[in-house]
Amino acid sequence: MKKTVAIICAIVIFAFSLIGCGDKDTVAYNLKLNVSSGEVAESFDTHGGFNGDGATFAKIKFSDESALTQIENNNVWTPLPSDETVQSLLYGDYSGFVCDDDGNSLIPKIKNGYSMLIDKQDKSLTNMLERASLNFVLGVYDTDTNTLYYYELDT
């Protein structure tokens, strides 16, 4: 009996230890960036349930330009201003997806930086904003503040 309780406690402690490092791991994996030198300033994850729908957000601040160097050497990131789809998600008609519970934008207007959009749902040329559901990863890097914003949505 004591052995069983000890094993269960060890599993619970291990599971909780993974929670703290999940934000950076998720961002690094999806954006293909080494973000280990950054500090997570804000984050949340509402994914869960049967279908795994929800949103993940992380704001990671860097004291150096390690992330910027990686971004500048990766042709997937594009300089701001972004294309129409990214602009619509951040500040336009679809900005309600990239906001907090009070409707405030999670990503401020950024003058100098880069963005990256990954459409997880459809690799065709159809406009993702015209679909019934959205599944995407959005990365925005502010070069003035060395801040990386990560947003993932699954509907």
C-alpha atoms as a PDB file:
ATOM      1  CA  MET A   1       0.000   0.000   0.000  1.00  0.00           C
ATOM      2  CA  LYS A   2       2.785   2.420   0.920  1.00  0.00           C
ATOM      3  CA  LYS A   3       4.540   1.632  -2.332  1.00  0.00           C
ATOM      4  CA  THR A   4       1.415   2.456  -4.333  1.00  0.00           C
ATOM      5  CA  VAL A   5       0.970   5.799  -2.565  1.00  0.00           C
ATOM      6  CA  ALA A   6       4.646   6.651  -3.143  1.00  0.00           C
ATOM      7  CA  ILE A   7       4.354   5.837  -6.846  1.00  0.00           C
ATOM      8  CA  ILE A   8       1.198   7.923  -7.234  1.00  0.00           C
ATOM      9  CA  CYS A   9       2.844  10.856  -5.424  1.00  0.00           C
ATOM     10  CA  ALA A  10       5.893  10.593  -7.677  1.00  0.00           C
ATOM     11  CA  ILE A  11       3.706  10.623 -10.790  1.00  0.00           C
ATOM     12  CA  VAL A  12       1.767  13.655  -9.552  1.00  0.00           C
ATOM     13  CA  ILE A  13       4.956  15.568  -8.718  1.00  0.00           C
ATOM     14  CA  PHE A  14       6.416  14.720 -12.119  1.00  0.00           C
ATOM     15  CA  ALA A  15       3.250  15.848 -13.904  1.00  0.00           C
ATOM     16  CA  PHE A  16       3.222  19.179 -12.063  1.00  0.00           C
ATOM     17  CA  SER A  17       6.905  19.731 -12.814  1.00  0.00           C
ATOM     18  CA  LEU A  18       6.122  19.577 -16.537  1.00  0.00           C
ATOM     19  CA  ILE A  19       3.526  22.329 -16.297  1.00  0.00           C
ATOM     20  CA  GLY A  20       6.070  25.067 -15.635  1.00  0.00           C
ATOM     21  CA  CYS A  21       8.208  24.330 -18.694  1.00  0.00           C
ATOM     22  CA  GLY A  22       5.363  23.719 -21.124  1.00  0.00           C
ATOM     23  CA  ASP A  23       5.006  27.279 -22.408  1.00  0.00           C
ATOM     24  CA  LYS A  24       8.521  27.575 -23.787  1.00  0.00           C
ATOM     25  CA  ASP A  25       8.506  24.012 -25.093  1.00  0.00           C
ATOM     26  CA  THR A  26       5.288  24.585 -27.041  1.00  0.00           C
ATOM     27  CA  VAL A  27       6.532  27.867 -28.509  1.00  0.00           C
ATOM     28  CA  ALA A  28       9.938  26.405 -29.417  1.00  0.00           C
ATOM     29  CA  TYR A  29       8.395  23.368 -31.091  1.00  0.00           C
ATOM     30  CA  ASN A  30       5.742  25.203 -33.128  1.00  0.00           C
ATOM     31  CA  LEU A  31       7.814  28.229 -34.154  1.00  0.00           C
ATOM     32  CA  LYS A  32      11.061  26.239 -34.570  1.00  0.00           C
ATOM     33  CA  LEU A  33      12.938  28.706 -32.339  1.00  0.00           C
ATOM     34  CA  ASN A  34      15.244  28.226 -29.383  1.00  0.00           C
ATOM     35  CA  VAL A  35      13.542  30.374 -26.744  1.00  0.00           C
ATOM     36  CA  SER A  36      15.451  29.058 -23.736  1.00  0.00           C
ATOM     37  CA  SER A  37      17.107  32.424 -23.037  1.00  0.00           C
ATOM     38  CA  GLY A  38      13.740  34.217 -22.825  1.00  0.00           C
ATOM     39  CA  GLU A  39      11.515  34.751 -19.802  1.00  0.00           C
ATOM     40  CA  VAL A  40       7.795  33.997 -19.968  1.00  0.00           C
ATOM     41  CA  ALA A  41       6.065  37.247 -18.973  1.00  0.00           C
ATOM     42  CA  GLU A  42       2.479  36.047 -19.553  1.00  0.00           C
ATOM     43  CA  SER A  43       0.833  32.826 -20.658  1.00  0.00           C
ATOM     44  CA  PHE A  44      -2.350  30.799 -20.659  1.00  0.00           C
ATOM     45  CA  ASP A  45      -3.673  27.638 -22.265  1.00  0.00           C
ATOM     46  CA  THR A  46      -7.388  26.843 -22.559  1.00  0.00           C
ATOM     47  CA  HIS A  47      -7.018  23.691 -24.644  1.00  0.00           C
ATOM     48  CA  GLY A  48      -8.794  20.696 -23.214  1.00  0.00           C
ATOM     49  CA  GLY A  49     -11.913  18.659 -23.517  1.00  0.00           C
ATOM     50  CA  PHE A  50     -12.774  16.002 -26.044  1.00  0.00           C
ATOM     51  CA  ASN A  51     -11.812  17.858 -29.229  1.00  0.00           C
ATOM     52  CA  GLY A  52      -8.829  19.753 -27.840  1.00  0.00           C
ATOM     53  CA  ASP A  53     -10.280  23.111 -28.835  1.00  0.00           C
ATOM     54  CA  GLY A  54      -8.881  26.204 -27.174  1.00  0.00           C
ATOM     55  CA  ALA A  55      -6.218  28.867 -27.285  1.00  0.00           C
ATOM     56  CA  THR A  56      -2.628  29.085 -26.108  1.00  0.00           C
ATOM     57  CA  PHE A  57      -0.856  32.395 -25.554  1.00  0.00           C
ATOM     58  CA  ALA A  58       2.666  33.214 -24.453  1.00  0.00           C
ATOM     59  CA  LYS A  59       4.577  36.463 -24.211  1.00  0.00           C
ATOM     60  CA  ILE A  60       8.320  35.845 -23.955  1.00  0.00           C
ATOM     61  CA  LYS A  61      10.776  38.667 -23.290  1.00  0.00           C
ATOM     62  CA  PHE A  62      14.426  38.424 -24.269  1.00  0.00           C
ATOM     63  CA  SER A  63      17.334  40.388 -22.794  1.00  0.00           C
ATOM     64  CA  ASP A  64      19.386  39.754 -25.924  1.00  0.00           C
ATOM     65  CA  GLU A  65      18.789  39.347 -29.652  1.00  0.00           C
ATOM     66  CA  SER A  66      19.085  35.553 -29.750  1.00  0.00           C
ATOM     67  CA  ALA A  67      15.534  35.083 -31.014  1.00  0.00           C
ATOM     68  CA  LEU A  68      15.874  37.911 -33.529  1.00  0.00           C
ATOM     69  CA  THR A  69      18.995  36.329 -35.020  1.00  0.00           C
ATOM     70  CA  GLN A  70      17.123  33.055 -35.535  1.00  0.00           C
ATOM     71  CA  ILE A  71      14.102  34.828 -37.030  1.00  0.00           C
ATOM     72  CA  GLU A  72      16.213  36.846 -39.468  1.00  0.00           C
ATOM     73  CA  ASN A  73      17.845  33.629 -40.680  1.00  0.00           C
ATOM     74  CA  ASN A  74      14.504  31.858 -41.237  1.00  0.00           C
ATOM     75  CA  ASN A  75      12.596  32.608 -44.444  1.00  0.00           C
ATOM     76  CA  VAL A  76       9.241  31.647 -42.887  1.00  0.00           C
ATOM     77  CA  TRP A  77       9.171  34.869 -40.852  1.00  0.00           C
ATOM     78  CA  THR A  78       8.178  38.000 -42.774  1.00  0.00           C
ATOM     79  CA  PRO A  79       8.904  41.623 -41.843  1.00  0.00           C
ATOM     80  CA  LEU A  80       6.023  43.750 -40.600  1.00  0.00           C
ATOM     81  CA  PRO A  81       3.626  44.962 -41.832  1.00  0.00           C
ATOM     82  CA  SER A  82       2.160  41.517 -42.272  1.00  0.00           C
ATOM     83  CA  ASP A  83      -0.079  40.196 -45.002  1.00  0.00           C
ATOM     84  CA  GLU A  84      -3.839  40.817 -44.933  1.00  0.00           C
ATOM     85  CA  THR A  85      -4.663  37.589 -43.096  1.00  0.00           C
ATOM     86  CA  VAL A  86      -2.277  38.304 -40.216  1.00  0.00           C
ATOM     87  CA  GLN A  87      -3.438  41.929 -40.051  1.00  0.00           C
ATOM     88  CA  SER A  88      -7.068  40.777 -39.877  1.00  0.00           C
ATOM     89  CA  LEU A  89      -6.284  38.359 -37.044  1.00  0.00           C
ATOM     90  CA  LEU A  90      -4.289  40.916 -35.078  1.00  0.00           C
ATOM     91  CA  TYR A  91      -6.176  44.154 -35.589  1.00  0.00           C
ATOM     92  CA  GLY A  92      -9.011  43.717 -38.076  1.00  0.00           C
ATOM     93  CA  ASP A  93     -12.323  41.959 -38.436  1.00  0.00           C
ATOM     94  CA  TYR A  94     -10.989  38.743 -36.859  1.00  0.00           C
ATOM     95  CA  SER A  95      -9.073  40.333 -33.972  1.00  0.00           C
ATOM     96  CA  GLY A  96     -11.677  38.932 -31.573  1.00  0.00           C
ATOM     97  CA  PHE A  97      -9.889  35.602 -31.840  1.00  0.00           C
ATOM     98  CA  VAL A  98      -6.559  36.991 -30.567  1.00  0.00           C
ATOM     99  CA  CYS A  99      -7.887  38.733 -27.452  1.00  0.00           C
ATOM    100  CA  ASP A 100      -8.480  38.208 -23.761  1.00  0.00           C
ATOM    101  CA  ASP A 101     -11.845  37.580 -22.109  1.00  0.00           C
ATOM    102  CA  ASP A 102     -12.552  41.328 -22.051  1.00  0.00           C
ATOM    103  CA  GLY A 103     -11.923  41.727 -25.803  1.00  0.00           C
ATOM    104  CA  ASN A 104      -8.524  43.420 -25.432  1.00  0.00           C
ATOM    105  CA  SER A 105      -5.887  42.482 -27.978  1.00  0.00           C
ATOM    106  CA  LEU A 106      -3.241  40.129 -26.600  1.00  0.00           C
ATOM    107  CA  ILE A 107      -0.672  41.438 -29.059  1.00  0.00           C
ATOM    108  CA  PRO A 108      -0.169  45.214 -29.159  1.00  0.00           C
ATOM    109  CA  LYS A 109       0.347  47.108 -32.404  1.00  0.00           C
ATOM    110  CA  ILE A 110       3.962  46.547 -33.329  1.00  0.00           C
ATOM    111  CA  LYS A 111       5.782  48.932 -35.634  1.00  0.00           C
ATOM    112  CA  ASN A 112       9.056  47.039 -36.162  1.00  0.00           C
ATOM    113  CA  GLY A 113       9.232  43.283 -36.187  1.00  0.00           C
ATOM    114  CA  TYR A 114       8.354  40.027 -37.867  1.00  0.00           C
ATOM    115  CA  SER A 115       5.377  37.700 -38.082  1.00  0.00           C
ATOM    116  CA  MET A 116       4.785  34.071 -38.912  1.00  0.00           C
ATOM    117  CA  LEU A 117       1.448  32.339 -39.555  1.00  0.00           C
ATOM    118  CA  ILE A 118       1.023  28.575 -39.722  1.00  0.00           C
ATOM    119  CA  ASP A 119      -2.301  27.261 -41.015  1.00  0.00           C
ATOM    120  CA  LYS A 120      -2.693  23.924 -39.240  1.00  0.00           C
ATOM    121  CA  GLN A 121      -5.957  23.045 -40.908  1.00  0.00           C
ATOM    122  CA  ASP A 122      -5.576  23.323 -44.641  1.00  0.00           C
ATOM    123  CA  LYS A 123      -2.470  23.483 -46.777  1.00  0.00           C
ATOM    124  CA  SER A 124      -4.386  24.645 -49.849  1.00  0.00           C
ATOM    125  CA  LEU A 125      -4.585  28.189 -51.102  1.00  0.00           C
ATOM    126  CA  THR A 126      -8.056  28.833 -49.667  1.00  0.00           C
ATOM    127  CA  ASN A 127      -8.368  31.857 -47.414  1.00  0.00           C
ATOM    128  CA  MET A 128      -8.379  30.525 -43.876  1.00  0.00           C
ATOM    129  CA  LEU A 129     -10.622  33.376 -42.726  1.00  0.00           C
ATOM    130  CA  GLU A 130     -13.440  32.087 -44.940  1.00  0.00           C
ATOM    131  CA  ARG A 131     -13.646  28.697 -43.199  1.00  0.00           C
ATOM    132  CA  ALA A 132     -16.085  27.579 -40.540  1.00  0.00           C
ATOM    133  CA  SER A 133     -13.266  26.842 -38.090  1.00  0.00           C
ATOM    134  CA  LEU A 134      -9.758  28.160 -37.500  1.00  0.00           C
ATOM    135  CA  ASN A 135      -6.670  26.194 -36.523  1.00  0.00           C
ATOM    136  CA  PHE A 136      -3.495  28.238 -36.647  1.00  0.00           C
ATOM    137  CA  VAL A 137      -0.272  29.258 -34.939  1.00  0.00           C
ATOM    138  CA  LEU A 138       0.714  32.910 -34.993  1.00  0.00           C
ATOM    139  CA  GLY A 139       4.078  34.282 -33.955  1.00  0.00           C
ATOM    140  CA  VAL A 140       4.890  37.979 -33.778  1.00  0.00           C
ATOM    141  CA  TYR A 141       8.275  39.348 -32.741  1.00  0.00           C
ATOM    142  CA  ASP A 142       8.724  42.981 -31.661  1.00  0.00           C
ATOM    143  CA  THR A 143      12.276  44.064 -32.507  1.00  0.00           C
ATOM    144  CA  ASP A 144      11.981  47.273 -30.448  1.00  0.00           C
ATOM    145  CA  THR A 145      11.312  45.410 -27.189  1.00  0.00           C
ATOM    146  CA  ASN A 146      12.791  41.952 -27.993  1.00  0.00           C
ATOM    147  CA  THR A 147       9.422  40.396 -27.192  1.00  0.00           C
ATOM    148  CA  LEU A 148       7.971  37.306 -28.833  1.00  0.00           C
ATOM    149  CA  TYR A 149       4.212  36.813 -28.887  1.00  0.00           C
ATOM    150  CA  TYR A 150       2.830  33.346 -29.533  1.00  0.00           C
ATOM    151  CA  TYR A 151      -0.821  32.523 -30.148  1.00  0.00           C
ATOM    152  CA  GLU A 152      -2.321  29.185 -31.113  1.00  0.00           C
ATOM    153  CA  LEU A 153      -6.019  28.652 -31.786  1.00  0.00           C
ATOM    154  CA  ASP A 154      -7.941  25.432 -32.382  1.00  0.00           C
ATOM    155  CA  THR A 155     -11.683  25.731 -32.967  1.00  0.00           C
END
